[in-house]
Amino acid sequence: MLVGALLFSHPAAAEDKKIAYAVVELDVRQPEEFTKEFLPLVGKVYAEAGAVFLAKPTAPVAIDDVAPKRVAILRFDSLEKAKATFSSQAYRDARKIGEKYASFKIFVVEAPAN
C-alpha cells in the first residue's frame, strides 16, 4: 500500500503551503525599559498569533555593509497571519510603548513550508 500512496500523492499540494518569516530590525536606545515594558506585551501578541521566535533580538554579524543593532526573526503560519498580527490593535498598542525606547524596521517574506 505504501507504493500506491507514493504513486498517487500529489507533490504540488505540499509545495503550495507557505509560511512567513518576519525580520525585525531594532535599535534599542533604552534596553532596561524596552525589556521591562515592551517585550512582555509584544511577546503575548506573538504567542497569541502562534508566532515562533527563530532568533530573539540579538546583535547580528555583518557580512556586507553595516548590520543593524539587533535583529529578531519570527516564523508565522502564513503571510496573512503575519500581516494581521502586525496590523492588530494589540500589536499597535504595544508598539507605541516600544517606540519610546527603540526604533523598528520590519519586513516579512514567504517561504515553502517544507
N, C-alpha and C. Protein backbone atom coordinates (compact mmCIF):
# COMPACT_ATOMS: atom_id res chain seq x y z
N MET A 1 0.81 -1.21 0.00
CA MET A 1 0.00 0.00 0.00
C MET A 1 0.86 1.27 0.00
N LEU A 2 2.04 1.21 0.59
CA LEU A 2 2.91 2.37 0.60
C LEU A 2 3.25 2.81 -0.83
N VAL A 3 3.48 1.85 -1.72
CA VAL A 3 3.79 2.19 -3.10
C VAL A 3 2.62 2.93 -3.73
N GLY A 4 1.40 2.46 -3.49
CA GLY A 4 0.22 3.13 -4.02
C GLY A 4 0.11 4.55 -3.50
N ALA A 5 0.39 4.73 -2.22
CA ALA A 5 0.31 6.07 -1.63
C ALA A 5 1.33 7.00 -2.27
N LEU A 6 2.52 6.47 -2.53
CA LEU A 6 3.55 7.29 -3.17
C LEU A 6 3.18 7.63 -4.61
N LEU A 7 2.60 6.68 -5.31
CA LEU A 7 2.23 6.90 -6.70
C LEU A 7 1.12 7.93 -6.85
N PHE A 8 0.20 7.94 -5.89
CA PHE A 8 -0.97 8.79 -6.03
C PHE A 8 -0.92 10.07 -5.19
N SER A 9 0.17 10.28 -4.48
CA SER A 9 0.28 11.54 -3.73
C SER A 9 0.59 12.66 -4.72
N HIS A 10 0.18 13.84 -4.37
CA HIS A 10 0.35 14.99 -5.26
C HIS A 10 1.41 15.90 -4.66
N PRO A 11 2.65 15.90 -5.20
CA PRO A 11 3.73 16.70 -4.60
C PRO A 11 3.45 18.19 -4.60
N ALA A 12 2.69 18.69 -5.55
CA ALA A 12 2.41 20.12 -5.61
C ALA A 12 1.60 20.58 -4.41
N ALA A 13 0.77 19.71 -3.84
CA ALA A 13 -0.03 20.08 -2.68
C ALA A 13 0.87 20.45 -1.51
N ALA A 14 1.93 19.70 -1.29
CA ALA A 14 2.85 20.01 -0.19
C ALA A 14 3.64 21.28 -0.48
N GLU A 15 3.98 21.51 -1.74
CA GLU A 15 4.76 22.69 -2.10
C GLU A 15 3.95 23.98 -2.04
N ASP A 16 2.62 23.87 -2.15
CA ASP A 16 1.78 25.06 -2.14
C ASP A 16 1.72 25.71 -0.77
N LYS A 17 1.93 24.97 0.30
CA LYS A 17 1.86 25.50 1.65
C LYS A 17 3.04 26.43 1.87
N LYS A 18 2.75 27.65 2.29
CA LYS A 18 3.80 28.65 2.53
C LYS A 18 3.72 29.13 3.97
N ILE A 19 4.86 29.42 4.52
CA ILE A 19 4.94 30.06 5.83
C ILE A 19 5.57 31.44 5.62
N ALA A 20 5.62 32.21 6.68
CA ALA A 20 6.19 33.55 6.57
C ALA A 20 7.22 33.78 7.67
N TYR A 21 8.25 34.50 7.31
CA TYR A 21 9.28 34.89 8.26
C TYR A 21 9.26 36.41 8.39
N ALA A 22 9.18 36.88 9.61
CA ALA A 22 9.26 38.32 9.86
C ALA A 22 10.67 38.61 10.36
N VAL A 23 11.30 39.57 9.74
CA VAL A 23 12.62 40.03 10.16
C VAL A 23 12.42 41.40 10.79
N VAL A 24 12.81 41.51 12.05
CA VAL A 24 12.62 42.74 12.81
C VAL A 24 13.98 43.33 13.11
N GLU A 25 14.26 44.50 12.56
CA GLU A 25 15.49 45.22 12.87
C GLU A 25 15.18 46.20 13.99
N LEU A 26 16.04 46.22 14.99
CA LEU A 26 15.81 47.06 16.17
C LEU A 26 17.03 47.89 16.49
N ASP A 27 16.78 49.10 16.92
CA ASP A 27 17.82 49.94 17.50
C ASP A 27 17.27 50.37 18.86
N VAL A 28 17.68 49.65 19.89
CA VAL A 28 17.15 49.89 21.24
C VAL A 28 17.99 50.95 21.93
N ARG A 29 17.32 52.04 22.30
CA ARG A 29 18.00 53.16 22.96
C ARG A 29 18.01 53.01 24.48
N GLN A 30 16.96 52.40 25.01
CA GLN A 30 16.84 52.22 26.46
C GLN A 30 16.51 50.75 26.74
N PRO A 31 17.55 49.91 26.82
CA PRO A 31 17.33 48.47 26.93
C PRO A 31 16.54 48.02 28.16
N GLU A 32 16.77 48.63 29.29
CA GLU A 32 16.07 48.20 30.51
C GLU A 32 14.57 48.43 30.39
N GLU A 33 14.18 49.61 29.96
CA GLU A 33 12.76 49.94 29.81
C GLU A 33 12.13 49.12 28.69
N PHE A 34 12.87 48.95 27.60
CA PHE A 34 12.40 48.15 26.48
C PHE A 34 12.09 46.72 26.93
N THR A 35 13.00 46.13 27.67
CA THR A 35 12.83 44.76 28.15
C THR A 35 11.68 44.66 29.15
N LYS A 36 11.58 45.62 30.02
CA LYS A 36 10.57 45.58 31.08
C LYS A 36 9.16 45.91 30.58
N GLU A 37 9.04 46.92 29.72
CA GLU A 37 7.71 47.40 29.34
C GLU A 37 7.20 46.87 28.00
N PHE A 38 8.08 46.74 27.01
CA PHE A 38 7.64 46.35 25.68
C PHE A 38 7.63 44.84 25.45
N LEU A 39 8.71 44.17 25.78
CA LEU A 39 8.84 42.75 25.45
C LEU A 39 7.71 41.87 26.01
N PRO A 40 7.27 42.06 27.25
CA PRO A 40 6.15 41.22 27.72
C PRO A 40 4.87 41.44 26.90
N LEU A 41 4.59 42.67 26.51
CA LEU A 41 3.39 42.96 25.73
C LEU A 41 3.46 42.35 24.34
N VAL A 42 4.56 42.57 23.65
CA VAL A 42 4.68 42.06 22.28
C VAL A 42 4.84 40.54 22.29
N GLY A 43 5.46 40.01 23.33
CA GLY A 43 5.58 38.56 23.45
C GLY A 43 4.21 37.89 23.53
N LYS A 44 3.30 38.51 24.24
CA LYS A 44 1.93 37.99 24.34
C LYS A 44 1.23 38.04 22.98
N VAL A 45 1.40 39.14 22.26
CA VAL A 45 0.81 39.29 20.93
C VAL A 45 1.32 38.18 20.00
N TYR A 46 2.64 37.98 20.01
CA TYR A 46 3.23 36.96 19.15
C TYR A 46 2.75 35.56 19.54
N ALA A 47 2.69 35.28 20.83
CA ALA A 47 2.23 33.96 21.30
C ALA A 47 0.80 33.70 20.86
N GLU A 48 -0.07 34.69 21.01
CA GLU A 48 -1.46 34.53 20.61
C GLU A 48 -1.60 34.32 19.10
N ALA A 49 -0.65 34.84 18.33
CA ALA A 49 -0.68 34.68 16.88
C ALA A 49 -0.04 33.36 16.44
N GLY A 50 0.54 32.64 17.39
CA GLY A 50 1.21 31.39 17.04
C GLY A 50 2.59 31.58 16.45
N ALA A 51 3.13 32.77 16.58
CA ALA A 51 4.47 33.05 16.05
C ALA A 51 5.52 32.38 16.92
N VAL A 52 6.61 31.98 16.28
CA VAL A 52 7.71 31.33 16.98
C VAL A 52 8.98 32.12 16.71
N PHE A 53 9.71 32.45 17.77
CA PHE A 53 11.00 33.12 17.59
C PHE A 53 12.02 32.10 17.08
N LEU A 54 12.62 32.40 15.95
CA LEU A 54 13.74 31.60 15.46
C LEU A 54 15.05 32.23 15.94
N ALA A 55 15.02 33.53 16.12
CA ALA A 55 16.16 34.27 16.68
C ALA A 55 15.59 35.43 17.48
N LYS A 56 15.86 35.44 18.77
CA LYS A 56 15.41 36.55 19.61
C LYS A 56 16.33 37.74 19.36
N PRO A 57 15.91 38.95 19.74
CA PRO A 57 16.71 40.14 19.41
C PRO A 57 18.16 40.04 19.88
N THR A 58 19.04 39.91 18.90
CA THR A 58 20.48 39.81 19.17
C THR A 58 21.23 40.65 18.15
N ALA A 59 22.50 40.89 18.43
CA ALA A 59 23.35 41.64 17.51
C ALA A 59 23.81 40.72 16.38
N PRO A 60 23.50 41.07 15.13
CA PRO A 60 23.94 40.23 14.01
C PRO A 60 25.40 40.50 13.65
N VAL A 61 25.98 39.59 12.91
CA VAL A 61 27.33 39.75 12.39
C VAL A 61 27.22 40.25 10.95
N ALA A 62 27.87 41.34 10.65
CA ALA A 62 27.81 41.92 9.30
C ALA A 62 28.68 41.11 8.35
N ILE A 63 28.11 40.76 7.22
CA ILE A 63 28.87 40.13 6.14
C ILE A 63 29.16 41.17 5.06
N ASP A 64 28.13 41.90 4.68
CA ASP A 64 28.26 43.01 3.73
C ASP A 64 27.66 44.24 4.38
N ASP A 65 28.26 45.38 4.14
CA ASP A 65 27.73 46.65 4.62
C ASP A 65 27.72 46.69 6.16
N VAL A 66 26.79 47.42 6.73
CA VAL A 66 26.71 47.58 8.18
C VAL A 66 25.46 46.87 8.68
N ALA A 67 25.61 46.06 9.69
CA ALA A 67 24.47 45.33 10.26
C ALA A 67 23.65 46.24 11.16
N PRO A 68 22.35 45.97 11.27
CA PRO A 68 21.55 46.71 12.25
C PRO A 68 22.02 46.39 13.66
N LYS A 69 21.58 47.18 14.62
CA LYS A 69 21.99 46.97 16.02
C LYS A 69 21.55 45.60 16.54
N ARG A 70 20.26 45.25 16.32
CA ARG A 70 19.72 43.97 16.74
C ARG A 70 18.75 43.47 15.67
N VAL A 71 18.61 42.15 15.60
CA VAL A 71 17.67 41.54 14.67
C VAL A 71 16.96 40.40 15.39
N ALA A 72 15.65 40.29 15.14
CA ALA A 72 14.87 39.14 15.58
C ALA A 72 14.21 38.53 14.36
N ILE A 73 14.03 37.21 14.37
CA ILE A 73 13.35 36.53 13.27
C ILE A 73 12.23 35.68 13.88
N LEU A 74 11.02 35.86 13.33
CA LEU A 74 9.86 35.10 13.79
C LEU A 74 9.26 34.32 12.63
N ARG A 75 8.72 33.15 12.94
CA ARG A 75 8.02 32.34 11.94
C ARG A 75 6.53 32.40 12.20
N PHE A 76 5.75 32.66 11.15
CA PHE A 76 4.29 32.68 11.22
C PHE A 76 3.76 31.59 10.30
N ASP A 77 2.55 31.14 10.55
CA ASP A 77 1.93 30.10 9.73
C ASP A 77 1.67 30.55 8.30
N SER A 78 1.53 31.85 8.09
CA SER A 78 1.26 32.35 6.74
C SER A 78 1.58 33.84 6.68
N LEU A 79 1.69 34.34 5.47
CA LEU A 79 1.90 35.76 5.27
C LEU A 79 0.71 36.55 5.82
N GLU A 80 -0.49 36.03 5.59
CA GLU A 80 -1.70 36.70 6.08
C GLU A 80 -1.69 36.80 7.60
N LYS A 81 -1.25 35.73 8.28
CA LYS A 81 -1.19 35.74 9.75
C LYS A 81 -0.18 36.77 10.23
N ALA A 82 0.96 36.87 9.57
CA ALA A 82 1.97 37.85 9.96
C ALA A 82 1.44 39.27 9.77
N LYS A 83 0.84 39.52 8.61
CA LYS A 83 0.31 40.86 8.35
C LYS A 83 -0.79 41.22 9.33
N ALA A 84 -1.66 40.26 9.65
CA ALA A 84 -2.74 40.51 10.61
C ALA A 84 -2.18 40.80 12.00
N THR A 85 -1.13 40.10 12.37
CA THR A 85 -0.52 40.31 13.69
C THR A 85 0.05 41.72 13.79
N PHE A 86 0.82 42.13 12.80
CA PHE A 86 1.46 43.44 12.86
C PHE A 86 0.49 44.60 12.67
N SER A 87 -0.68 44.33 12.13
CA SER A 87 -1.68 45.39 11.99
C SER A 87 -2.76 45.34 13.08
N SER A 88 -2.64 44.38 14.00
CA SER A 88 -3.65 44.25 15.06
C SER A 88 -3.56 45.40 16.06
N GLN A 89 -4.66 45.67 16.72
CA GLN A 89 -4.69 46.72 17.73
C GLN A 89 -3.74 46.40 18.88
N ALA A 90 -3.69 45.13 19.28
CA ALA A 90 -2.81 44.73 20.38
C ALA A 90 -1.35 45.02 20.04
N TYR A 91 -0.95 44.71 18.79
CA TYR A 91 0.43 45.00 18.40
C TYR A 91 0.67 46.50 18.33
N ARG A 92 -0.27 47.24 17.75
CA ARG A 92 -0.09 48.69 17.64
C ARG A 92 0.02 49.33 19.02
N ASP A 93 -0.76 48.85 19.99
CA ASP A 93 -0.68 49.39 21.35
C ASP A 93 0.69 49.09 21.96
N ALA A 94 1.17 47.86 21.78
CA ALA A 94 2.49 47.50 22.30
C ALA A 94 3.57 48.31 21.60
N ARG A 95 3.43 48.49 20.30
CA ARG A 95 4.44 49.20 19.51
C ARG A 95 4.58 50.65 19.96
N LYS A 96 3.47 51.29 20.35
CA LYS A 96 3.55 52.67 20.86
C LYS A 96 4.49 52.74 22.06
N ILE A 97 4.42 51.75 22.91
CA ILE A 97 5.32 51.70 24.08
C ILE A 97 6.74 51.41 23.61
N GLY A 98 6.89 50.45 22.71
CA GLY A 98 8.21 50.10 22.21
C GLY A 98 8.93 51.25 21.55
N GLU A 99 8.18 52.09 20.85
CA GLU A 99 8.80 53.21 20.13
C GLU A 99 9.35 54.28 21.06
N LYS A 100 8.96 54.25 22.32
CA LYS A 100 9.57 55.17 23.29
C LYS A 100 11.02 54.79 23.56
N TYR A 101 11.35 53.53 23.33
CA TYR A 101 12.66 53.00 23.71
C TYR A 101 13.48 52.45 22.55
N ALA A 102 12.88 52.34 21.36
CA ALA A 102 13.59 51.73 20.24
C ALA A 102 12.98 52.18 18.92
N SER A 103 13.76 52.01 17.85
CA SER A 103 13.21 52.20 16.51
C SER A 103 13.17 50.83 15.85
N PHE A 104 12.21 50.66 14.93
CA PHE A 104 11.94 49.36 14.33
C PHE A 104 11.91 49.46 12.81
N LYS A 105 12.31 48.39 12.17
CA LYS A 105 12.09 48.19 10.74
C LYS A 105 11.70 46.72 10.61
N ILE A 106 10.52 46.46 10.05
CA ILE A 106 10.01 45.09 9.97
C ILE A 106 9.64 44.77 8.53
N PHE A 107 10.04 43.59 8.08
CA PHE A 107 9.57 43.11 6.79
C PHE A 107 9.32 41.61 6.90
N VAL A 108 8.45 41.13 5.99
CA VAL A 108 8.01 39.74 6.03
C VAL A 108 8.26 39.11 4.66
N VAL A 109 8.75 37.88 4.66
CA VAL A 109 8.94 37.13 3.42
C VAL A 109 8.26 35.78 3.54
N GLU A 110 7.79 35.27 2.39
CA GLU A 110 7.19 33.94 2.33
C GLU A 110 8.23 32.91 1.92
N ALA A 111 8.00 31.68 2.38
CA ALA A 111 8.88 30.58 2.01
C ALA A 111 8.08 29.28 2.01
N PRO A 112 8.53 28.29 1.27
CA PRO A 112 7.85 26.99 1.31
C PRO A 112 7.89 26.42 2.72
N ALA A 113 6.84 25.72 3.12
CA ALA A 113 6.75 25.17 4.47
C ALA A 113 7.61 23.94 4.67
N ASN A 114 8.06 23.32 3.62
CA ASN A 114 8.82 22.07 3.77
C ASN A 114 10.17 22.35 4.22
